[in-house]
N, C-alpha and C. Protein backbone atom coordinates (compact mmCIF):
# COMPACT_ATOMS: atom_id res chain seq x y z
N MET A 1 5.48 -16.09 5.92
CA MET A 1 4.45 -17.28 5.29
C MET A 1 4.43 -18.66 6.75
N ILE A 2 3.95 -19.38 7.02
CA ILE A 2 3.98 -20.75 7.69
C ILE A 2 3.69 -21.26 6.73
N PRO A 3 5.49 -22.58 6.73
CA PRO A 3 5.26 -23.20 6.04
C PRO A 3 3.77 -24.61 6.01
N LEU A 4 3.47 -24.98 5.21
CA LEU A 4 2.12 -26.31 5.38
C LEU A 4 3.30 -27.41 5.62
N ILE A 5 2.43 -27.96 6.62
CA ILE A 5 2.91 -29.18 6.93
C ILE A 5 1.85 -30.58 6.34
N PRO A 6 2.26 -31.63 5.69
CA PRO A 6 1.39 -32.28 5.15
C PRO A 6 0.55 -33.02 6.49
N VAL A 7 -0.79 -32.84 6.26
CA VAL A 7 -1.71 -33.62 7.80
C VAL A 7 -1.41 -35.44 7.20
N THR A 8 -1.20 -36.49 8.08
CA THR A 8 -1.36 -37.25 7.81
C THR A 8 -2.69 -37.80 8.31
N PRO A 9 -3.37 -38.95 7.68
CA PRO A 9 -4.82 -38.94 8.17
C PRO A 9 -4.50 -40.60 9.14
N THR A 10 -5.52 -40.00 10.25
CA THR A 10 -5.70 -40.79 11.05
C THR A 10 -6.43 -42.14 10.89
N PRO A 11 -5.94 -43.46 10.94
CA PRO A 11 -7.04 -44.59 10.24
C PRO A 11 -7.95 -44.79 11.36
N ALA A 12 -8.69 -45.27 10.53
CA ALA A 12 -10.14 -45.52 11.51
C ALA A 12 -10.27 -46.50 11.93
N VAL A 13 -10.85 -46.29 13.33
CA VAL A 13 -10.58 -47.29 14.32
C VAL A 13 -11.70 -48.50 13.58
N THR A 14 -11.31 -49.70 13.61
CA THR A 14 -12.48 -50.86 13.85
C THR A 14 -13.53 -51.17 15.08
N LEU A 15 -14.22 -51.58 15.19
CA LEU A 15 -14.88 -51.49 16.28
C LEU A 15 -15.38 -52.74 17.10
N THR A 16 -15.35 -53.49 15.50
CA THR A 16 -16.37 -54.98 15.23
C THR A 16 -14.92 -55.78 15.38
N SER A 17 -14.87 -57.00 15.94
CA SER A 17 -13.55 -58.21 15.48
C SER A 17 -14.82 -59.26 15.67
N VAL A 18 -14.33 -60.13 15.30
CA VAL A 18 -14.67 -61.53 15.13
C VAL A 18 -13.50 -62.57 16.08
N ILE A 19 -14.14 -63.11 17.38
CA ILE A 19 -13.46 -63.58 18.62
C ILE A 19 -14.16 -65.38 17.92
N THR A 20 -12.96 -66.01 17.64
CA THR A 20 -12.98 -67.70 17.40
C THR A 20 -12.27 -67.99 18.63
N CYS A 21 -13.52 -68.86 19.51
CA CYS A 21 -13.22 -69.80 20.06
C CYS A 21 -12.25 -71.33 19.81
N PRO A 22 -10.86 -71.20 20.92
CA PRO A 22 -9.71 -72.14 20.62
C PRO A 22 -10.68 -73.03 20.52
N VAL A 23 -11.39 -73.87 21.85
CA VAL A 23 -12.02 -74.98 21.73
C VAL A 23 -12.84 -75.63 20.90
N CYS A 24 -14.22 -74.72 20.61
CA CYS A 24 -15.32 -75.27 19.39
C CYS A 24 -15.03 -74.69 18.25
N GLN A 25 -14.16 -73.78 17.80
CA GLN A 25 -13.74 -72.46 16.51
C GLN A 25 -15.23 -72.17 16.37
N HIS A 26 -16.57 -71.93 17.62
CA HIS A 26 -17.07 -71.08 16.97
C HIS A 26 -16.36 -69.49 16.75
N ALA A 27 -17.13 -68.74 15.46
CA ALA A 27 -16.60 -67.49 15.55
C ALA A 27 -17.85 -66.64 16.04
N GLN A 28 -17.45 -65.20 16.44
CA GLN A 28 -18.67 -64.37 16.90
C GLN A 28 -18.66 -62.93 16.71
N ALA A 29 -18.95 -62.25 15.78
CA ALA A 29 -18.57 -61.35 15.85
C ALA A 29 -19.15 -60.21 17.30
N GLU A 30 -18.08 -59.52 17.62
CA GLU A 30 -18.41 -58.39 18.81
C GLU A 30 -18.01 -57.12 18.80
N GLN A 31 -18.71 -56.30 19.49
CA GLN A 31 -18.67 -54.83 19.49
C GLN A 31 -17.23 -54.60 20.36
N MET A 32 -16.03 -53.94 20.80
CA MET A 32 -14.94 -54.08 21.44
C MET A 32 -15.79 -52.61 22.02
N PRO A 33 -15.00 -53.41 23.57
CA PRO A 33 -15.21 -51.51 24.28
C PRO A 33 -13.80 -50.28 23.43
N THR A 34 -14.17 -49.29 23.91
CA THR A 34 -13.39 -48.24 23.49
C THR A 34 -12.29 -47.83 24.56
N ASP A 35 -13.22 -47.71 25.39
CA ASP A 35 -12.08 -47.52 27.23
C ASP A 35 -11.33 -48.20 27.55
N ALA A 36 -12.16 -49.49 27.40
CA ALA A 36 -11.10 -50.32 28.71
C ALA A 36 -10.48 -51.54 27.88
N CYS A 37 -9.69 -52.61 28.70
CA CYS A 37 -9.44 -53.75 27.64
C CYS A 37 -10.52 -54.64 28.28
N GLN A 38 -11.03 -55.83 27.29
CA GLN A 38 -11.64 -56.89 27.91
C GLN A 38 -10.81 -58.21 28.43
N TRP A 39 -10.88 -58.35 29.58
CA TRP A 39 -10.01 -59.28 30.10
C TRP A 39 -10.55 -61.11 29.84
N PHE A 40 -12.08 -60.75 29.82
CA PHE A 40 -12.52 -62.19 29.79
C PHE A 40 -13.97 -62.18 28.78
N TYR A 41 -14.22 -63.92 28.11
CA TYR A 41 -15.27 -63.64 27.00
C TYR A 41 -15.67 -65.04 27.44
N GLU A 42 -17.04 -64.94 27.46
CA GLU A 42 -17.92 -66.09 27.41
C GLU A 42 -18.03 -67.14 25.80
N CYS A 43 -17.71 -68.34 25.32
CA CYS A 43 -18.04 -68.06 24.45
C CYS A 43 -19.24 -68.92 24.03
N THR A 44 -20.14 -67.91 23.22
CA THR A 44 -21.35 -67.92 23.23
C THR A 44 -22.15 -69.53 22.86
N SER A 45 -21.31 -70.52 22.17
CA SER A 45 -21.08 -72.13 22.14
C SER A 45 -20.80 -72.89 23.11
N CYS A 46 -19.82 -72.60 23.22
CA CYS A 46 -19.38 -74.12 24.53
C CYS A 46 -19.47 -73.04 26.00
N HIS A 47 -19.31 -72.23 26.21
CA HIS A 47 -19.45 -71.74 27.16
C HIS A 47 -18.29 -71.37 28.21
N THR A 48 -17.14 -71.90 27.51
CA THR A 48 -15.52 -71.64 27.48
C THR A 48 -15.24 -70.19 28.17
N VAL A 49 -14.57 -69.91 29.10
CA VAL A 49 -14.56 -68.41 29.43
C VAL A 49 -12.73 -68.30 29.19
N LEU A 50 -12.66 -67.28 28.25
CA LEU A 50 -11.89 -67.05 27.05
C LEU A 50 -11.12 -65.91 28.07
N LYS A 51 -9.11 -66.04 28.09
CA LYS A 51 -8.20 -65.19 28.38
C LYS A 51 -7.61 -64.63 28.18
N PRO A 52 -6.62 -63.25 28.16
CA PRO A 52 -5.87 -63.19 26.99
C PRO A 52 -4.44 -64.15 27.02
N LEU A 53 -4.24 -64.22 26.02
CA LEU A 53 -2.84 -65.13 25.76
C LEU A 53 -1.70 -64.31 26.90
N ALA A 54 -0.58 -65.27 26.84
CA ALA A 54 0.56 -64.28 27.24
C ALA A 54 0.95 -63.11 26.81
N GLY A 55 1.40 -61.56 26.95
CA GLY A 55 1.69 -60.68 26.47
C GLY A 55 0.77 -60.10 25.10
N ASP A 56 -0.78 -60.38 25.60
CA ASP A 56 -1.81 -59.64 24.94
C ASP A 56 -2.48 -59.01 25.88
N CYS A 57 -2.68 -58.29 25.88
CA CYS A 57 -4.01 -56.77 26.85
C CYS A 57 -5.63 -57.84 26.77
N CYS A 58 -5.60 -58.08 26.01
CA CYS A 58 -6.85 -58.50 26.14
C CYS A 58 -7.31 -59.58 25.19
N VAL A 59 -9.10 -60.25 24.97
CA VAL A 59 -9.28 -61.63 24.51
C VAL A 59 -9.21 -60.96 23.19
N PHE A 60 -9.44 -59.53 22.51
CA PHE A 60 -9.42 -59.51 21.08
C PHE A 60 -8.30 -59.28 20.77
N CYS A 61 -7.48 -58.90 21.41
CA CYS A 61 -5.79 -59.22 20.49
C CYS A 61 -5.25 -60.30 20.78
N SER A 62 -5.94 -61.39 20.99
CA SER A 62 -5.59 -62.66 21.30
C SER A 62 -6.50 -63.73 20.66
N TYR A 63 -8.04 -63.08 20.43
CA TYR A 63 -8.61 -63.99 20.03
C TYR A 63 -9.37 -63.48 18.70
N GLY A 64 -8.79 -62.60 18.34
CA GLY A 64 -10.72 -61.98 17.35
C GLY A 64 -9.09 -61.36 16.31
N THR A 65 -10.19 -61.07 15.52
CA THR A 65 -9.85 -60.59 13.98
C THR A 65 -9.15 -59.34 13.80
N VAL A 66 -9.53 -58.51 15.19
CA VAL A 66 -9.02 -57.13 14.80
C VAL A 66 -8.79 -57.16 16.42
N PRO A 67 -7.63 -56.06 16.67
CA PRO A 67 -7.01 -55.86 18.02
C PRO A 67 -7.75 -54.54 18.40
N CYS A 68 -7.47 -54.95 19.90
CA CYS A 68 -8.60 -53.92 20.45
C CYS A 68 -7.79 -52.37 19.87
N PRO A 69 -9.11 -51.24 20.27
CA PRO A 69 -9.12 -50.17 19.99
C PRO A 69 -7.22 -48.97 20.14
N PRO A 70 -7.30 -49.50 21.62
CA PRO A 70 -6.05 -48.55 21.70
C PRO A 70 -4.73 -48.97 21.08
N ILE A 71 -4.79 -50.31 21.17
CA ILE A 71 -3.46 -50.67 20.21
C ILE A 71 -3.91 -50.55 18.37
N GLN A 72 -4.72 -50.27 18.43
CA GLN A 72 -5.18 -50.09 16.78
C GLN A 72 -4.29 -48.66 16.72
N LYS A 73 -4.44 -48.04 17.43
CA LYS A 73 -4.28 -46.13 17.56
C LYS A 73 -2.84 -46.23 18.17
N GLN A 74 -2.57 -47.18 18.77
CA GLN A 74 -0.85 -46.55 19.36
C GLN A 74 -0.06 -47.71 19.51
N GLY A 75 -0.62 -49.27 18.90
CA GLY A 75 0.21 -49.72 18.77
C GLY A 75 0.50 -50.62 20.18
N LYS A 76 1.46 -51.61 20.20
CA LYS A 76 1.47 -52.64 21.49
C LYS A 76 1.89 -51.78 22.46
N GLY A 77 1.88 -52.11 23.84
CA GLY A 77 1.98 -51.55 24.77
C GLY A 77 0.79 -50.16 25.33
N ALA A 78 -0.11 -50.27 24.29
CA ALA A 78 -0.80 -48.56 24.68
C ALA A 78 -2.04 -48.80 25.59
N CYS A 79 -1.86 -49.85 26.03
CA CYS A 79 -3.35 -50.14 27.30
C CYS A 79 -2.53 -50.14 28.12
N GLY A 80 -0.91 -50.28 28.38
CA GLY A 80 -0.17 -50.05 29.78
C GLY A 80 0.24 -51.04 30.18
N CYS A 81 -0.31 -52.31 30.13
CA CYS A 81 -0.82 -53.68 30.42
C CYS A 81 0.06 -54.43 29.44
N CYS A 82 0.25 -54.43 28.50
CA CYS A 82 1.14 -55.25 28.02
C CYS A 82 2.36 -54.83 26.99
């Protein structure tokens, strides 16, 4: 008889994050790419181009309400760039 191993369900990945501009505080919901890190984001209000903070792989990890999909799935360092 094969022993049953409990399967832990994989948490769902959230694909929408609200980015808040640190310059003008404008908040905008955006879809995150699932296959790459997004290094730049232009604020739709003040047009400041945001870049990731030191130690973060993308603008979603730095300024978003939800980290990017690779970080959600596998944790810090999952992108290979942080």
